[in-house]
């Protein structure tokens, strides 16, 4: 047996069957996997992977549902409701995730997406969220050099650009002039370290140094064509800008430049409303 990881996935043994579900065993005691979450054919002695959290009556409970965020992680979630203790966020489970008023930077609207950090509150032993995500980042020097490839998580948007979390540990900034399409809160994407500033924060970019917008768009477009059924992407010079953005995430202007680059390289055949891989 092992201690439970609250707010995370656990591999637990089925101890006994009851009319309301299966009881799973751990060093912290048995907990219920309700009948509606039990997969057909599961028996006593089997090991099942479940997510463990507290239900509305504050009992430890297991589920095979997959939440939108785990403990000690960042996520963009939607405000579902308000209550005396704070806002409640939709995160894919029956019980919504509490965002206490003390953890909010401003008033939040129902239906609004917010970027939060999910953690285990030591006083209540409950999972809660916080929009004050910066305080959970590391303040040690970033272990990387300019030019290194990094993972970016979009946390906000300001006049300068997009504050991002770099490699899950440090704050960075992706300037607007480095981005050729709107980014979504919580979106994950690859990038490159541009510089480490004196305050320890990071400047990042989406392309390698000396690698421009059109070159990046050309790569993106080629991959989309290669992935299309039969190598035929239903986008061409006459396609609507909305269709272009929806399919490949770039403006019509950039798309046409990338299309021209692929054509000059002899990689594609052009149709008015389609592009075909040679």
Protein backbone atom coordinates (compact mmCIF):
# COMPACT_ATOMS: atom_id res chain seq x y z
CA UNK A 1 0.00 0.00 0.00
CA UNK A 2 0.99 3.63 -0.40
CA UNK A 3 0.00 7.01 0.98
CA UNK A 4 -2.66 8.82 -1.02
CA UNK A 5 -1.73 11.65 -3.35
CA UNK A 6 -4.63 14.06 -2.86
CA UNK A 7 -5.38 15.94 -6.05
CA UNK A 8 -3.47 13.50 -8.22
CA UNK A 9 -3.74 10.06 -9.79
CA UNK A 10 -3.25 7.01 -7.58
CA UNK A 11 -2.88 3.31 -8.40
CA UNK A 12 -4.92 1.55 -5.69
CA UNK A 13 -6.02 -2.01 -5.00
CA UNK A 14 -9.69 -2.95 -4.84
CA UNK A 15 -10.32 -4.17 -1.28
CA UNK A 16 -14.01 -5.05 -1.39
CA UNK A 17 -17.23 -4.70 -3.37
CA UNK A 18 -20.40 -3.09 -2.00
CA UNK A 19 -23.78 -2.07 -3.36
CA UNK A 20 -22.61 1.52 -3.79
CA UNK A 21 -19.25 0.84 -5.42
CA UNK A 22 -15.76 -0.45 -4.72
CA UNK A 23 -13.63 0.36 -1.72
CA UNK A 24 -9.96 0.92 -2.50
CA UNK A 25 -7.22 0.48 0.05
CA UNK A 26 -4.29 2.76 0.98
CA UNK A 27 -2.08 3.66 3.95
CA UNK A 28 -4.54 6.48 4.67
CA UNK A 29 -7.53 4.15 4.90
CA UNK A 30 -10.09 2.82 2.47
CA UNK A 31 -11.96 5.13 0.12
CA UNK A 32 -14.93 4.70 -2.15
CA UNK A 33 -14.94 4.48 -5.93
CA UNK A 34 -18.67 5.05 -6.58
CA UNK A 35 -20.48 2.48 -8.71
CA UNK A 36 -20.94 4.89 -11.64
CA UNK A 37 -17.14 5.16 -12.00
CA UNK A 38 -16.44 1.42 -11.85
CA UNK A 39 -15.38 -0.10 -15.17
CA UNK A 40 -17.07 -3.35 -16.13
CA UNK A 41 -15.13 -6.42 -15.08
CA UNK A 42 -13.24 -4.78 -12.18
CA UNK A 43 -12.83 -7.22 -9.28
CA UNK A 44 -11.36 -7.43 -5.78
CA UNK A 45 -7.57 -7.49 -6.00
CA UNK A 46 -7.38 -5.46 -9.20
CA UNK A 47 -5.26 -2.30 -9.32
CA UNK A 48 -7.14 0.72 -10.66
CA UNK A 49 -5.89 4.20 -11.51
CA UNK A 50 -8.09 6.90 -9.98
CA UNK A 51 -8.04 10.60 -9.17
CA UNK A 52 -8.45 11.29 -5.43
CA UNK A 53 -10.08 14.39 -3.94
CA UNK A 54 -12.67 15.39 -1.31
CA UNK A 55 -16.37 15.32 -2.12
CA UNK A 56 -19.02 17.86 -1.07
CA UNK A 57 -19.17 16.25 2.39
CA UNK A 58 -15.39 16.52 2.78
CA UNK A 59 -14.82 12.77 2.42
CA UNK A 60 -11.92 11.34 0.44
CA UNK A 61 -13.31 9.86 -2.75
CA UNK A 62 -11.98 8.32 -5.97
CA UNK A 63 -13.09 8.87 -9.56
CA UNK A 64 -12.00 7.80 -13.02
CA UNK A 65 -12.93 11.22 -14.40
CA UNK A 66 -9.97 13.26 -15.63
CA UNK A 67 -9.82 16.76 -14.07
CA UNK A 68 -8.56 19.75 -16.03
CA UNK A 69 -5.85 20.38 -13.42
CA UNK A 70 -3.88 18.38 -10.86
CA UNK A 71 -2.45 19.54 -7.55
CA UNK A 72 0.63 21.79 -7.87
CA UNK A 73 -0.16 22.70 -11.47
CA UNK A 74 -1.32 25.71 -13.50
CA UNK A 75 -4.48 25.80 -15.62
CA UNK A 76 -7.03 28.10 -17.25
CA UNK A 77 -10.48 27.31 -15.81
CA UNK A 78 -13.95 28.80 -16.15
CA UNK A 79 -15.81 30.51 -13.30
CA UNK A 80 -19.03 28.55 -12.76
CA UNK A 81 -20.55 30.19 -9.68
CA UNK A 82 -19.98 32.32 -6.59
CA UNK A 83 -20.49 31.40 -2.95
CA UNK A 84 -19.80 32.69 0.57
CA UNK A 85 -16.23 31.33 0.49
CA UNK A 86 -15.28 32.43 -3.03
CA UNK A 87 -15.74 31.51 -6.67
CA UNK A 88 -16.21 27.98 -7.96
CA UNK A 89 -14.36 26.79 -11.04
CA UNK A 90 -15.38 24.10 -13.52
CA UNK A 91 -12.58 21.54 -13.67
CA UNK A 92 -14.24 18.40 -14.98
CA UNK A 93 -15.38 16.84 -11.69
CA UNK A 94 -18.76 16.74 -9.95
CA UNK A 95 -17.51 18.99 -7.16
CA UNK A 96 -16.26 22.34 -8.47
CA UNK A 97 -12.87 23.73 -7.43
CA UNK A 98 -12.93 26.54 -4.86
CA UNK A 99 -11.12 29.80 -5.62
CA UNK A 100 -11.22 31.57 -2.22
CA UNK A 101 -11.78 35.32 -2.16
CA UNK A 102 -8.37 35.76 -0.51
CA UNK A 103 -6.76 34.15 -3.56
CA UNK A 104 -8.44 36.47 -6.09
CA UNK A 105 -6.76 39.57 -7.50
CA UNK A 106 -10.09 41.11 -8.59
CA UNK A 107 -13.81 40.40 -8.85
CA UNK A 108 -14.58 37.62 -11.31
CA UNK A 109 -17.56 37.15 -13.62
CA UNK A 110 -19.43 33.88 -14.10
CA UNK A 111 -18.34 32.39 -17.43
CA UNK A 112 -14.92 34.10 -17.33
CA UNK A 113 -11.78 32.04 -17.89
CA UNK A 114 -9.09 32.62 -15.28
CA UNK A 115 -5.52 31.39 -14.98
CA UNK A 116 -4.87 29.71 -11.63
CA UNK A 117 -2.46 27.59 -9.62
CA UNK A 118 -4.01 24.56 -7.88
CA UNK A 119 -2.60 23.55 -4.51
CA UNK A 120 -3.47 21.72 -1.30
CA UNK A 121 -4.47 24.15 1.44
CA UNK A 122 -2.72 22.98 4.61
CA UNK A 123 -5.35 24.36 7.01
CA UNK A 124 -8.38 22.71 5.40
CA UNK A 125 -6.60 19.81 3.62
CA UNK A 126 -8.66 20.74 0.55
CA UNK A 127 -7.68 21.49 -3.01
CA UNK A 128 -8.07 25.18 -3.84
CA UNK A 129 -7.06 27.55 -6.63
CA UNK A 130 -5.32 30.91 -6.68
CA UNK A 131 -5.13 33.59 -9.37
CA UNK A 132 -1.99 34.88 -7.61
CA UNK A 133 0.01 32.37 -9.62
CA UNK A 134 3.27 34.33 -9.60
CA UNK A 135 3.93 33.56 -5.94
CA UNK A 136 4.18 29.84 -6.75
CA UNK A 137 7.01 30.26 -9.27
CA UNK A 138 10.62 29.52 -8.43
CA UNK A 139 12.93 32.42 -7.59
CA UNK A 140 16.15 30.53 -8.26
CA UNK A 141 18.21 31.39 -11.38
CA UNK A 142 16.77 29.84 -14.53
CA UNK A 143 18.91 26.87 -15.66
CA UNK A 144 19.14 27.78 -19.33
CA UNK A 145 20.97 29.79 -21.96
CA UNK A 146 19.68 32.11 -24.72
CA UNK A 147 18.65 30.02 -27.69
CA UNK A 148 17.52 27.04 -25.60
CA UNK A 149 14.20 25.50 -26.56
CA UNK A 150 11.61 25.88 -23.78
CA UNK A 151 7.97 25.06 -23.02
CA UNK A 152 5.60 28.02 -22.67
CA UNK A 153 2.25 28.25 -20.89
CA UNK A 154 0.21 31.41 -21.57
CA UNK A 155 -0.80 32.98 -18.24
CA UNK A 156 -2.06 36.48 -19.16
CA UNK A 157 -2.07 39.24 -21.77
CA UNK A 158 -0.81 42.80 -21.21
CA UNK A 159 0.01 45.82 -23.37
CA UNK A 160 3.55 44.50 -23.83
CA UNK A 161 2.66 40.93 -24.70
CA UNK A 162 1.87 37.60 -23.08
CA UNK A 163 3.22 36.74 -19.62
CA UNK A 164 4.05 33.03 -19.77
CA UNK A 165 5.33 30.32 -17.48
CA UNK A 166 8.56 28.85 -18.81
CA UNK A 167 9.22 25.13 -18.28
CA UNK A 168 6.62 25.17 -15.48
CA UNK A 169 8.92 27.06 -13.10
CA UNK A 170 9.76 30.65 -14.11
CA UNK A 171 7.99 33.73 -15.41
CA UNK A 172 8.68 34.95 -18.92
CA UNK A 173 7.33 37.46 -21.41
CA UNK A 174 6.43 36.82 -25.03
CA UNK A 175 6.27 40.22 -26.77
CA UNK A 176 3.38 40.98 -29.11
CA UNK A 177 5.71 41.47 -32.07
CA UNK A 178 6.92 37.87 -31.65
CA UNK A 179 3.39 36.47 -32.08
CA UNK A 180 1.55 36.13 -35.39
CA UNK A 181 -1.79 34.86 -34.03
CA UNK A 182 -3.89 35.41 -30.90
CA UNK A 183 -2.97 33.11 -28.04
CA UNK A 184 -5.43 31.54 -25.60
CA UNK A 185 -5.14 31.65 -21.84
CA UNK A 186 -3.69 28.32 -20.75
CA UNK A 187 -2.35 27.49 -24.22
CA UNK A 188 0.86 25.47 -24.28
CA UNK A 189 3.39 25.96 -27.06
CA UNK A 190 7.11 25.54 -27.76
CA UNK A 191 9.41 28.55 -27.74
CA UNK A 192 13.00 29.71 -27.31
CA UNK A 193 14.77 31.60 -24.55
CA UNK A 194 15.77 35.06 -25.75
CA UNK A 195 17.44 36.47 -22.64
CA UNK A 196 17.52 36.34 -18.85
CA UNK A 197 16.84 39.84 -17.50
CA UNK A 198 18.53 41.38 -14.48
CA UNK A 199 15.39 40.82 -12.38
CA UNK A 200 15.53 37.09 -13.18
CA UNK A 201 12.51 37.15 -15.48
CA UNK A 202 12.85 35.74 -18.97
CA UNK A 203 12.23 37.10 -22.46
CA UNK A 204 11.14 34.37 -24.85
CA UNK A 205 10.20 34.07 -28.50
CA UNK A 206 8.38 31.56 -30.70
CA UNK A 207 11.04 31.34 -33.39
CA UNK A 208 14.76 30.69 -33.26
CA UNK A 209 17.00 33.73 -33.45
CA UNK A 210 17.04 34.96 -37.04
CA UNK A 211 14.01 32.83 -37.85
CA UNK A 212 11.21 35.12 -38.97
CA UNK A 213 7.46 35.01 -38.96
CA UNK A 214 7.13 33.80 -42.55
CA UNK A 215 9.66 30.98 -42.06
CA UNK A 216 7.78 29.78 -38.99
CA UNK A 217 4.43 30.05 -40.78
CA UNK A 218 5.85 28.12 -43.75
CA UNK A 219 6.85 25.25 -41.47
CA UNK A 220 3.42 25.30 -39.81
CA UNK A 221 1.62 25.31 -43.15
CA UNK A 222 3.72 22.47 -44.58
CA UNK A 223 3.00 20.29 -41.54
CA UNK A 224 -0.73 21.03 -41.88
CA UNK A 225 -0.69 20.02 -45.56
CA UNK A 226 1.27 16.85 -44.81
CA UNK A 227 -1.24 15.93 -42.10
CA UNK A 228 -4.30 16.62 -44.30
CA UNK A 229 -6.10 13.60 -45.84
CA UNK A 230 -4.40 12.76 -49.13
CA UNK A 231 -2.04 15.71 -48.67
CA UNK A 232 -4.82 18.08 -49.76
CA UNK A 233 -5.50 21.03 -47.43
CA UNK A 234 -8.78 22.84 -48.25
CA UNK A 235 -7.18 26.28 -48.11
CA UNK A 236 -6.01 28.40 -51.02
CA UNK A 237 -5.52 31.92 -52.29
CA UNK A 238 -9.30 32.48 -52.49
CA UNK A 239 -10.10 31.09 -49.03
CA UNK A 240 -11.69 33.35 -46.43
CA UNK A 241 -9.39 34.82 -43.78
CA UNK A 242 -11.58 33.28 -41.06
CA UNK A 243 -11.11 29.80 -42.53
CA UNK A 244 -7.36 30.31 -42.77
CA UNK A 245 -7.06 31.34 -39.14
CA UNK A 246 -9.35 28.55 -37.92
CA UNK A 247 -7.35 25.84 -39.69
CA UNK A 248 -3.73 26.98 -39.43
CA UNK A 249 -3.77 29.82 -36.87
CA UNK A 250 -2.31 32.60 -39.02
CA UNK A 251 -3.48 35.72 -40.82
CA UNK A 252 -4.44 35.58 -44.52
CA UNK A 253 -1.49 37.86 -45.32
CA UNK A 254 1.05 35.57 -43.63
CA UNK A 255 -0.66 32.51 -45.12
CA UNK A 256 -0.22 33.81 -48.67
CA UNK A 257 3.47 34.52 -48.05
CA UNK A 258 3.97 31.02 -46.66
CA UNK A 259 2.01 29.54 -49.54
CA UNK A 260 4.22 31.37 -52.02
CA UNK A 261 7.34 30.10 -50.29
CA UNK A 262 6.16 26.48 -50.50
CA UNK A 263 5.21 26.91 -54.16
CA UNK A 264 8.61 28.37 -55.06
CA UNK A 265 10.27 25.42 -53.34
CA UNK A 266 8.22 23.08 -55.55
CA UNK A 267 6.57 21.43 -52.59
CA UNK A 268 2.91 22.13 -53.40
CA UNK A 269 0.38 22.56 -56.19
CA UNK A 270 -2.01 25.51 -55.89
CA UNK A 271 -5.75 25.51 -56.41
CA UNK A 272 -8.06 28.49 -55.77
CA UNK A 273 -9.39 26.97 -52.53
CA UNK A 274 -6.95 24.14 -51.83
CA UNK A 275 -3.26 23.38 -51.57
CA UNK A 276 -1.96 19.94 -52.58
CA UNK A 277 1.29 18.29 -51.57
CA UNK A 278 3.44 17.37 -54.57
